[in-house]
Amino acid sequence: MDIPGNWRKSSYSGPGDGDSCVEIARSPTRIGIRDSKDPLRATLTFPADVFTPFLEALKTHR
């Protein structure tokens, strides 16, 4: 999933230097999420068709 140049910061990462930043990457079939402070650690990946329902579920459980 680690495709050079494919990772981008989430638009909800916050102001400043991005010290609480999440990065997202897309492939044709999967979506990856990682912590930009430590990109070599674990990455969550989801099939592309379940990523939006996953985000919606997070919004309802704030």
Protein backbone atom coordinates (compact mmCIF):
# COMPACT_ATOMS: atom_id res chain seq x y z
CA MET A 1 0.00 0.00 0.00
CA ASP A 2 2.95 2.35 0.48
CA ILE A 3 3.11 3.95 -2.95
CA PRO A 4 5.56 6.89 -3.00
CA GLY A 5 3.74 10.17 -3.41
CA ASN A 6 0.33 8.59 -2.91
CA TRP A 7 -0.09 9.56 0.76
CA ARG A 8 -1.84 12.85 1.55
CA LYS A 9 -2.81 14.65 4.74
CA SER A 10 -6.39 14.55 5.84
CA SER A 11 -8.14 17.90 5.50
CA TYR A 12 -9.23 17.48 9.15
CA SER A 13 -5.68 17.13 10.51
CA GLY A 14 -5.64 20.52 12.17
CA PRO A 15 -3.67 23.73 11.86
CA GLY A 16 0.03 24.33 12.34
CA ASP A 17 2.66 21.73 11.66
CA GLY A 18 0.19 18.86 11.53
CA ASP A 19 1.19 17.36 14.85
CA SER A 20 -2.08 15.41 15.03
CA CYS A 21 -2.19 14.36 11.41
CA VAL A 22 -3.68 11.39 9.64
CA GLU A 23 -2.59 10.52 6.11
CA ILE A 24 -4.70 8.69 3.55
CA ALA A 25 -3.66 6.80 0.41
CA ARG A 26 -5.78 5.28 -2.34
CA SER A 27 -5.20 2.37 -4.61
CA PRO A 28 -7.78 1.14 -7.12
CA THR A 29 -9.23 -1.31 -4.59
CA ARG A 30 -8.11 -0.19 -1.10
CA ILE A 31 -7.84 2.85 1.15
CA GLY A 32 -4.95 3.16 3.62
CA ILE A 33 -4.74 5.28 6.79
CA ARG A 34 -1.59 5.99 8.82
CA ASP A 35 -0.26 8.36 11.47
CA SER A 36 1.97 10.93 9.78
CA LYS A 37 4.11 11.29 12.93
CA ASP A 38 5.19 7.66 12.58
CA PRO A 39 4.51 6.47 9.01
CA LEU A 40 6.58 3.30 9.36
CA ARG A 41 4.28 1.88 12.02
CA ALA A 42 0.99 0.11 11.39
CA THR A 43 -1.28 1.13 8.54
CA LEU A 44 -4.99 0.41 8.48
CA THR A 45 -6.34 -0.65 5.10
CA PHE A 46 -9.93 -1.02 4.00
CA PRO A 47 -11.62 -2.22 0.83
CA ALA A 48 -12.61 0.97 -0.99
CA ASP A 49 -16.34 0.20 -0.84
CA VAL A 50 -16.41 0.02 2.99
CA PHE A 51 -14.31 3.10 3.74
CA THR A 52 -17.16 5.63 3.57
CA PRO A 53 -19.47 3.54 5.81
CA PHE A 54 -16.53 3.22 8.26
CA LEU A 55 -16.15 7.03 8.40
CA GLU A 56 -19.91 7.49 8.83
CA ALA A 57 -19.89 5.04 11.74
CA LEU A 58 -17.09 7.04 13.40
CA LYS A 59 -19.09 10.25 13.07
CA THR A 60 -22.09 8.76 14.86
CA HIS A 61 -19.99 7.53 17.81
CA ARG A 62 -18.29 10.81 18.79
